[in-house]
Full PDB file with SEQRES, HELIX, SHEET, SSBOND, CRYST1, ORIGX, SCALE, CONECT and MASTER records, all heavy atoms in Angstrom:
SEQRES   1 A   34  ARG SER ILE ALA ALA GLY ASP PRO SER LEU ARG CYS HIS          
SEQRES   2 A   34  ALA PRO VAL LEU THR VAL LEU GLU LEU THR SER GLY ALA          
SEQRES   3 A   34  ALA LEU SER VAL GLN PRO HIS ASP                              
CRYST1    1.000    1.000    1.000  90.00  90.00  90.00 P 1           1          
ORIGX1      1.000000  0.000000  0.000000        0.00000                         
ORIGX2      0.000000  1.000000  0.000000        0.00000                         
ORIGX3      0.000000  0.000000  1.000000        0.00000                         
SCALE1      1.000000  0.000000  0.000000        0.00000                         
SCALE2      0.000000  1.000000  0.000000        0.00000                         
SCALE3      0.000000  0.000000  1.000000        0.00000                         
ATOM      1  N   ARG A   1      24.452  17.202  -4.588  1.00  0.00           N  
ATOM      2  CA  ARG A   1      24.651  18.592  -5.023  1.00  0.00           C  
ATOM      3  C   ARG A   1      24.731  18.697  -6.539  1.00  0.00           C  
ATOM      4  O   ARG A   1      25.230  17.802  -7.212  1.00  0.00           O  
ATOM      5  CB  ARG A   1      25.924  19.139  -4.409  1.00  0.00           C  
ATOM      6  CG  ARG A   1      25.827  19.285  -2.887  1.00  0.00           C  
ATOM      7  CD  ARG A   1      27.112  19.864  -2.297  1.00  0.00           C  
ATOM      8  NE  ARG A   1      26.996  20.007  -0.864  1.00  0.00           N  
ATOM      9  CZ  ARG A   1      27.267  19.044   0.016  1.00  0.00           C  
ATOM     10  NH1 ARG A   1      27.674  17.859  -0.398  1.00  0.00           N  
ATOM     11  NH2 ARG A   1      27.119  19.264   1.318  1.00  0.00           N  
ATOM     12  N   SER A   2      24.241  19.809  -7.046  1.00  0.00           N  
ATOM     13  CA  SER A   2      24.354  20.159  -8.472  1.00  0.00           C  
ATOM     14  C   SER A   2      23.855  19.049  -9.399  1.00  0.00           C  
ATOM     15  O   SER A   2      24.538  18.645 -10.322  1.00  0.00           O  
ATOM     16  CB  SER A   2      25.814  20.516  -8.806  1.00  0.00           C  
ATOM     17  OG  SER A   2      26.217  21.632  -8.056  1.00  0.00           O  
ATOM     18  N   ILE A   3      22.643  18.594  -9.136  1.00  0.00           N  
ATOM     19  CA  ILE A   3      22.017  17.634 -10.044  1.00  0.00           C  
ATOM     20  C   ILE A   3      21.611  18.425 -11.290  1.00  0.00           C  
ATOM     21  O   ILE A   3      20.833  19.380 -11.206  1.00  0.00           O  
ATOM     22  CB  ILE A   3      20.781  16.969  -9.408  1.00  0.00           C  
ATOM     23  CG1 ILE A   3      21.177  16.271  -8.102  1.00  0.00           C  
ATOM     24  CG2 ILE A   3      20.146  15.980 -10.393  1.00  0.00           C  
ATOM     25  CD1 ILE A   3      19.990  15.780  -7.285  1.00  0.00           C  
ATOM     26  N   ALA A   4      22.149  18.056 -12.421  1.00  0.00           N  
ATOM     27  CA  ALA A   4      21.974  18.832 -13.657  1.00  0.00           C  
ATOM     28  C   ALA A   4      20.513  18.864 -14.098  1.00  0.00           C  
ATOM     29  O   ALA A   4      19.744  17.918 -13.891  1.00  0.00           O  
ATOM     30  CB  ALA A   4      22.835  18.244 -14.767  1.00  0.00           C  
ATOM     31  N   ALA A   5      20.140  19.969 -14.752  1.00  0.00           N  
ATOM     32  CA  ALA A   5      18.822  20.081 -15.361  1.00  0.00           C  
ATOM     33  C   ALA A   5      18.651  18.934 -16.356  1.00  0.00           C  
ATOM     34  O   ALA A   5      19.557  18.621 -17.116  1.00  0.00           O  
ATOM     35  CB  ALA A   5      18.686  21.413 -16.073  1.00  0.00           C  
ATOM     36  N   GLY A   6      17.504  18.275 -16.322  1.00  0.00           N  
ATOM     37  CA  GLY A   6      17.203  17.207 -17.266  1.00  0.00           C  
ATOM     38  C   GLY A   6      17.928  15.904 -16.999  1.00  0.00           C  
ATOM     39  O   GLY A   6      17.812  14.973 -17.802  1.00  0.00           O  
ATOM     40  N   ASP A   7      18.631  15.776 -15.896  1.00  0.00           N  
ATOM     41  CA  ASP A   7      19.363  14.555 -15.580  1.00  0.00           C  
ATOM     42  C   ASP A   7      18.397  13.443 -15.185  1.00  0.00           C  
ATOM     43  O   ASP A   7      17.704  13.535 -14.171  1.00  0.00           O  
ATOM     44  CB  ASP A   7      20.352  14.815 -14.447  1.00  0.00           C  
ATOM     45  CG  ASP A   7      21.254  13.618 -14.135  1.00  0.00           C  
ATOM     46  OD1 ASP A   7      20.937  12.483 -14.564  1.00  0.00           O  
ATOM     47  OD2 ASP A   7      22.254  13.824 -13.442  1.00  0.00           O  
ATOM     48  N   PRO A   8      18.340  12.354 -15.989  1.00  0.00           N  
ATOM     49  CA  PRO A   8      17.398  11.275 -15.704  1.00  0.00           C  
ATOM     50  C   PRO A   8      17.899  10.258 -14.665  1.00  0.00           C  
ATOM     51  O   PRO A   8      17.164   9.345 -14.306  1.00  0.00           O  
ATOM     52  CB  PRO A   8      17.238  10.596 -17.069  1.00  0.00           C  
ATOM     53  CG  PRO A   8      18.578  10.779 -17.703  1.00  0.00           C  
ATOM     54  CD  PRO A   8      19.047  12.143 -17.240  1.00  0.00           C  
ATOM     55  N   SER A   9      19.116  10.432 -14.186  1.00  0.00           N  
ATOM     56  CA  SER A   9      19.670   9.471 -13.220  1.00  0.00           C  
ATOM     57  C   SER A   9      18.839   9.452 -11.947  1.00  0.00           C  
ATOM     58  O   SER A   9      18.346  10.489 -11.486  1.00  0.00           O  
ATOM     59  CB  SER A   9      21.101   9.868 -12.837  1.00  0.00           C  
ATOM     60  OG  SER A   9      21.911   9.960 -13.972  1.00  0.00           O  
ATOM     61  N   LEU A  10      18.709   8.250 -11.377  1.00  0.00           N  
ATOM     62  CA  LEU A  10      18.040   8.129 -10.087  1.00  0.00           C  
ATOM     63  C   LEU A  10      19.074   8.344  -8.989  1.00  0.00           C  
ATOM     64  O   LEU A  10      20.189   7.840  -9.059  1.00  0.00           O  
ATOM     65  CB  LEU A  10      17.428   6.741  -9.932  1.00  0.00           C  
ATOM     66  CG  LEU A  10      16.196   6.447 -10.782  1.00  0.00           C  
ATOM     67  CD1 LEU A  10      15.726   5.027 -10.540  1.00  0.00           C  
ATOM     68  CD2 LEU A  10      15.082   7.438 -10.491  1.00  0.00           C  
ATOM     69  N   ARG A  11      18.671   9.087  -7.990  1.00  0.00           N  
ATOM     70  CA  ARG A  11      19.503   9.289  -6.791  1.00  0.00           C  
ATOM     71  C   ARG A  11      18.700   8.699  -5.636  1.00  0.00           C  
ATOM     72  O   ARG A  11      17.642   9.216  -5.300  1.00  0.00           O  
ATOM     73  CB  ARG A  11      19.753  10.765  -6.577  1.00  0.00           C  
ATOM     74  CG  ARG A  11      20.667  11.203  -7.761  1.00  0.00           C  
ATOM     75  CD  ARG A  11      21.332  12.228  -7.781  1.00  0.00           C  
ATOM     76  NE  ARG A  11      22.359  12.648  -8.621  1.00  0.00           N  
ATOM     77  CZ  ARG A  11      22.317  12.845  -9.910  1.00  0.00           C  
ATOM     78  NH1 ARG A  11      21.293  12.485 -10.629  1.00  0.00           N  
ATOM     79  NH2 ARG A  11      23.345  13.386 -10.519  1.00  0.00           N  
ATOM     80  N   CYS A  12      19.205   7.601  -5.082  1.00  0.00           N  
ATOM     81  CA  CYS A  12      18.471   6.837  -4.074  1.00  0.00           C  
ATOM     82  C   CYS A  12      19.261   6.780  -2.780  1.00  0.00           C  
ATOM     83  O   CYS A  12      20.483   6.580  -2.796  1.00  0.00           O  
ATOM     84  CB  CYS A  12      18.235   5.415  -4.568  1.00  0.00           C  
ATOM     85  SG  CYS A  12      17.348   5.300  -6.145  1.00  0.00           S  
ATOM     86  N   HIS A  13      18.542   6.955  -1.657  1.00  0.00           N  
ATOM     87  CA  HIS A  13      19.168   6.882  -0.331  1.00  0.00           C  
ATOM     88  C   HIS A  13      18.171   6.299   0.660  1.00  0.00           C  
ATOM     89  O   HIS A  13      16.963   6.395   0.470  1.00  0.00           O  
ATOM     90  CB  HIS A  13      19.626   8.260   0.126  1.00  0.00           C  
ATOM     91  CG  HIS A  13      20.689   8.835  -0.737  1.00  0.00           C  
ATOM     92  ND1 HIS A  13      22.007   8.459  -0.637  1.00  0.00           N  
ATOM     93  CD2 HIS A  13      20.630   9.733  -1.752  1.00  0.00           C  
ATOM     94  CE1 HIS A  13      22.728   9.112  -1.547  1.00  0.00           C  
ATOM     95  NE2 HIS A  13      21.901   9.893  -2.235  1.00  0.00           N  
ATOM     96  N   ALA A  14      18.694   5.696   1.712  1.00  0.00           N  
ATOM     97  CA  ALA A  14      17.869   5.130   2.791  1.00  0.00           C  
ATOM     98  C   ALA A  14      18.652   5.244   4.089  1.00  0.00           C  
ATOM     99  O   ALA A  14      19.883   5.266   4.072  1.00  0.00           O  
ATOM    100  CB  ALA A  14      17.542   3.670   2.474  1.00  0.00           C  
ATOM    101  N   PRO A  15      17.985   5.294   5.216  1.00  0.00           N  
ATOM    102  CA  PRO A  15      16.539   5.444   5.389  1.00  0.00           C  
ATOM    103  C   PRO A  15      16.140   6.908   5.270  1.00  0.00           C  
ATOM    104  O   PRO A  15      16.762   7.778   5.860  1.00  0.00           O  
ATOM    105  CB  PRO A  15      16.309   4.941   6.815  1.00  0.00           C  
ATOM    106  CG  PRO A  15      17.592   5.306   7.538  1.00  0.00           C  
ATOM    107  CD  PRO A  15      18.689   5.191   6.498  1.00  0.00           C  
ATOM    108  N   VAL A  16      15.113   7.177   4.476  1.00  0.00           N  
ATOM    109  CA  VAL A  16      14.698   8.562   4.205  1.00  0.00           C  
ATOM    110  C   VAL A  16      13.184   8.687   4.384  1.00  0.00           C  
ATOM    111  O   VAL A  16      12.424   7.819   3.983  1.00  0.00           O  
ATOM    112  CB  VAL A  16      15.089   8.976   2.771  1.00  0.00           C  
ATOM    113  CG1 VAL A  16      14.495  10.307   2.368  1.00  0.00           C  
ATOM    114  CG2 VAL A  16      16.616   9.002   2.636  1.00  0.00           C  
ATOM    115  N   LEU A  17      12.764   9.805   4.997  1.00  0.00           N  
ATOM    116  CA  LEU A  17      11.351  10.146   5.122  1.00  0.00           C  
ATOM    117  C   LEU A  17      11.057  11.473   4.411  1.00  0.00           C  
ATOM    118  O   LEU A  17       9.941  11.700   3.973  1.00  0.00           O  
ATOM    119  CB  LEU A  17      10.956  10.268   6.601  1.00  0.00           C  
ATOM    120  CG  LEU A  17       9.477  10.428   6.891  1.00  0.00           C  
ATOM    121  CD1 LEU A  17       8.708   9.178   6.500  1.00  0.00           C  
ATOM    122  CD2 LEU A  17       9.266  10.732   8.365  1.00  0.00           C  
ATOM    123  N   THR A  18      12.070  12.352   4.285  1.00  0.00           N  
ATOM    124  CA  THR A  18      11.877  13.645   3.624  1.00  0.00           C  
ATOM    125  C   THR A  18      13.053  13.957   2.690  1.00  0.00           C  
ATOM    126  O   THR A  18      14.175  13.536   2.933  1.00  0.00           O  
ATOM    127  CB  THR A  18      11.767  14.808   4.644  1.00  0.00           C  
ATOM    128  OG1 THR A  18      12.964  14.895   5.387  1.00  0.00           O  
ATOM    129  CG2 THR A  18      10.605  14.614   5.575  1.00  0.00           C  
ATOM    130  N   VAL A  19      12.725  14.706   1.638  1.00  0.00           N  
ATOM    131  CA  VAL A  19      13.756  15.212   0.721  1.00  0.00           C  
ATOM    132  C   VAL A  19      13.470  16.693   0.513  1.00  0.00           C  
ATOM    133  O   VAL A  19      12.354  17.092   0.235  1.00  0.00           O  
ATOM    134  CB  VAL A  19      13.720  14.488  -0.652  1.00  0.00           C  
ATOM    135  CG1 VAL A  19      14.767  15.089  -1.592  1.00  0.00           C  
ATOM    136  CG2 VAL A  19      13.940  12.997  -0.488  1.00  0.00           C  
ATOM    137  N   LEU A  20      14.502  17.498   0.686  1.00  0.00           N  
ATOM    138  CA  LEU A  20      14.414  18.927   0.453  1.00  0.00           C  
ATOM    139  C   LEU A  20      15.130  19.254  -0.843  1.00  0.00           C  
ATOM    140  O   LEU A  20      16.336  18.991  -0.979  1.00  0.00           O  
ATOM    141  CB  LEU A  20      15.066  19.705   1.617  1.00  0.00           C  
ATOM    142  CG  LEU A  20      15.152  21.223   1.471  1.00  0.00           C  
ATOM    143  CD1 LEU A  20      13.757  21.845   1.338  1.00  0.00           C  
ATOM    144  CD2 LEU A  20      15.914  21.817   2.640  1.00  0.00           C  
ATOM    145  N   GLU A  21      14.401  19.779  -1.819  1.00  0.00           N  
ATOM    146  CA  GLU A  21      14.984  20.171  -3.100  1.00  0.00           C  
ATOM    147  C   GLU A  21      15.153  21.692  -3.115  1.00  0.00           C  
ATOM    148  O   GLU A  21      14.226  22.432  -2.775  1.00  0.00           O  
ATOM    149  CB  GLU A  21      14.102  19.710  -4.259  1.00  0.00           C  
ATOM    150  CG  GLU A  21      13.993  18.206  -4.330  1.00  0.00           C  
ATOM    151  CD  GLU A  21      13.157  17.704  -5.491  1.00  0.00           C  
ATOM    152  OE1 GLU A  21      12.375  18.479  -6.091  1.00  0.00           O  
ATOM    153  OE2 GLU A  21      13.283  16.502  -5.808  1.00  0.00           O  
ATOM    154  N   LEU A  22      16.344  22.134  -3.525  1.00  0.00           N  
ATOM    155  CA  LEU A  22      16.720  23.542  -3.506  1.00  0.00           C  
ATOM    156  C   LEU A  22      17.430  23.910  -4.798  1.00  0.00           C  
ATOM    157  O   LEU A  22      17.849  23.030  -5.554  1.00  0.00           O  
ATOM    158  CB  LEU A  22      17.696  23.807  -2.342  1.00  0.00           C  
ATOM    159  CG  LEU A  22      17.241  23.384  -0.963  1.00  0.00           C  
ATOM    160  CD1 LEU A  22      18.420  23.053  -0.081  1.00  0.00           C  
ATOM    161  CD2 LEU A  22      16.410  24.498  -0.364  1.00  0.00           C  
ATOM    162  N   THR A  23      17.630  25.197  -5.022  1.00  0.00           N  
ATOM    163  CA  THR A  23      18.432  25.614  -6.166  1.00  0.00           C  
ATOM    164  C   THR A  23      19.846  25.091  -5.990  1.00  0.00           C  
ATOM    165  O   THR A  23      20.357  24.961  -4.864  1.00  0.00           O  
ATOM    166  CB  THR A  23      18.471  27.148  -6.313  1.00  0.00           C  
ATOM    167  OG1 THR A  23      18.974  27.708  -5.106  1.00  0.00           O  
ATOM    168  CG2 THR A  23      17.111  27.712  -6.605  1.00  0.00           C  
ATOM    169  N   SER A  24      20.492  24.807  -7.082  1.00  0.00           N  
ATOM    170  CA  SER A  24      21.866  24.279  -7.042  1.00  0.00           C  
ATOM    171  C   SER A  24      22.787  25.265  -6.306  1.00  0.00           C  
ATOM    172  O   SER A  24      22.757  26.465  -6.535  1.00  0.00           O  
ATOM    173  CB  SER A  24      22.371  24.069  -8.475  1.00  0.00           C  
ATOM    174  OG  SER A  24      23.661  23.509  -8.459  1.00  0.00           O  
ATOM    175  N   GLY A  25      23.565  24.725  -5.386  1.00  0.00           N  
ATOM    176  CA  GLY A  25      24.495  25.534  -4.614  1.00  0.00           C  
ATOM    177  C   GLY A  25      23.968  25.921  -3.243  1.00  0.00           C  
ATOM    178  O   GLY A  25      24.732  26.319  -2.373  1.00  0.00           O  
ATOM    179  N   ALA A  26      22.664  25.792  -3.026  1.00  0.00           N  
ATOM    180  CA  ALA A  26      22.063  26.205  -1.756  1.00  0.00           C  
ATOM    181  C   ALA A  26      22.461  25.312  -0.592  1.00  0.00           C  
ATOM    182  O   ALA A  26      22.475  25.741   0.551  1.00  0.00           O  
ATOM    183  CB  ALA A  26      20.551  26.245  -1.887  1.00  0.00           C  
ATOM    184  N   ALA A  27      22.795  24.048  -0.875  1.00  0.00           N  
ATOM    185  CA  ALA A  27      23.100  23.100   0.196  1.00  0.00           C  
ATOM    186  C   ALA A  27      24.603  22.862   0.370  1.00  0.00           C  
ATOM    187  O   ALA A  27      25.010  21.839   0.922  1.00  0.00           O  
ATOM    188  CB  ALA A  27      22.371  21.778  -0.057  1.00  0.00           C  
ATOM    189  N   LEU A  28      25.410  23.798  -0.091  1.00  0.00           N  
ATOM    190  CA  LEU A  28      26.872  23.607  -0.021  1.00  0.00           C  
ATOM    191  C   LEU A  28      27.387  23.346   1.397  1.00  0.00           C  
ATOM    192  O   LEU A  28      28.311  22.551   1.583  1.00  0.00           O  
ATOM    193  CB  LEU A  28      27.600  24.835  -0.583  1.00  0.00           C  
ATOM    194  CG  LEU A  28      27.668  24.932  -2.090  1.00  0.00           C  
ATOM    195  CD1 LEU A  28      28.323  26.224  -2.513  1.00  0.00           C  
ATOM    196  CD2 LEU A  28      28.379  23.728  -2.679  1.00  0.00           C  
ATOM    197  N   SER A  29      26.789  23.962   2.401  1.00  0.00           N  
ATOM    198  CA  SER A  29      27.287  23.799   3.777  1.00  0.00           C  
ATOM    199  C   SER A  29      26.625  22.652   4.525  1.00  0.00           C  
ATOM    200  O   SER A  29      27.023  22.315   5.643  1.00  0.00           O  
ATOM    201  CB  SER A  29      27.114  25.093   4.559  1.00  0.00           C  
ATOM    202  OG  SER A  29      25.735  25.397   4.682  1.00  0.00           O  
ATOM    203  N   VAL A  30      25.608  22.021   3.927  1.00  0.00           N  
ATOM    204  CA  VAL A  30      24.897  20.932   4.594  1.00  0.00           C  
ATOM    205  C   VAL A  30      25.711  19.647   4.507  1.00  0.00           C  
ATOM    206  O   VAL A  30      26.256  19.317   3.452  1.00  0.00           O  
ATOM    207  CB  VAL A  30      23.497  20.740   3.970  1.00  0.00           C  
ATOM    208  CG1 VAL A  30      22.760  19.570   4.611  1.00  0.00           C  
ATOM    209  CG2 VAL A  30      22.690  22.017   4.064  1.00  0.00           C  
ATOM    210  N   GLN A  31      25.757  18.923   5.634  1.00  0.00           N  
ATOM    211  CA  GLN A  31      26.544  17.687   5.727  1.00  0.00           C  
ATOM    212  C   GLN A  31      25.679  16.575   6.326  1.00  0.00           C  
ATOM    213  O   GLN A  31      24.747  16.842   7.071  1.00  0.00           O  
ATOM    214  CB  GLN A  31      27.763  17.892   6.629  1.00  0.00           C  
ATOM    215  CG  GLN A  31      28.727  18.976   6.162  1.00  0.00           C  
ATOM    216  CD  GLN A  31      29.355  18.622   4.834  1.00  0.00           C  
ATOM    217  OE1 GLN A  31      29.716  17.480   4.578  1.00  0.00           O  
ATOM    218  NE2 GLN A  31      29.477  19.612   3.965  1.00  0.00           N  
ATOM    219  N   PRO A  32      26.022  15.307   6.031  1.00  0.00           N  
ATOM    220  CA  PRO A  32      25.352  14.204   6.732  1.00  0.00           C  
ATOM    221  C   PRO A  32      25.483  14.398   8.236  1.00  0.00           C  
ATOM    222  O   PRO A  32      26.484  14.938   8.725  1.00  0.00           O  
ATOM    223  CB  PRO A  32      26.126  12.974   6.249  1.00  0.00           C  
ATOM    224  CG  PRO A  32      26.586  13.369   4.878  1.00  0.00           C  
ATOM    225  CD  PRO A  32      26.952  14.839   5.023  1.00  0.00           C  
ATOM    226  N   HIS A  33      24.455  14.014   8.957  1.00  0.00           N  
ATOM    227  CA  HIS A  33      24.332  14.115  10.420  1.00  0.00           C  
ATOM    228  C   HIS A  33      23.848  15.485  10.871  1.00  0.00           C  
ATOM    229  O   HIS A  33      23.587  15.669  12.049  1.00  0.00           O  
ATOM    230  CB  HIS A  33      25.612  13.722  11.158  1.00  0.00           C  
ATOM    231  CG  HIS A  33      26.120  12.380  10.753  1.00  0.00           C  
ATOM    232  ND1 HIS A  33      25.443  11.212  11.038  1.00  0.00           N  
ATOM    233  CD2 HIS A  33      27.216  12.019  10.052  1.00  0.00           C  
ATOM    234  CE1 HIS A  33      26.114  10.182  10.536  1.00  0.00           C  
ATOM    235  NE2 HIS A  33      27.184  10.654   9.928  1.00  0.00           N  
ATOM    236  N   ASP A  34      23.710  16.472   9.955  1.00  0.00           N  
ATOM    237  CA  ASP A  34      23.039  17.715  10.314  1.00  0.00           C  
ATOM    238  C   ASP A  34      21.572  17.368  10.579  1.00  0.00           C  
ATOM    239  O   ASP A  34      21.107  16.260  10.275  1.00  0.00           O  
ATOM    240  CB  ASP A  34      23.128  18.733   9.170  1.00  0.00           C  
ATOM    241  CG  ASP A  34      24.507  19.347   9.020  1.00  0.00           C  
ATOM    242  OD1 ASP A  34      25.364  19.120   9.896  1.00  0.00           O  
ATOM    243  OD2 ASP A  34      24.727  20.053   8.018  1.00  0.00           O  
TER     244      ASP A  34                                                      
MASTER        0    0    0    0    0    0    0    6  243    1    0    3          
END                                                                             
């Protein structure tokens, strides 16, 4: 959540097949296992 504009940090996770990118704050209610 809230990955800052221009943030060069890598965010890595596994096992992953898809990534959904949204405006900051849009995924507040989303939890692992959804």
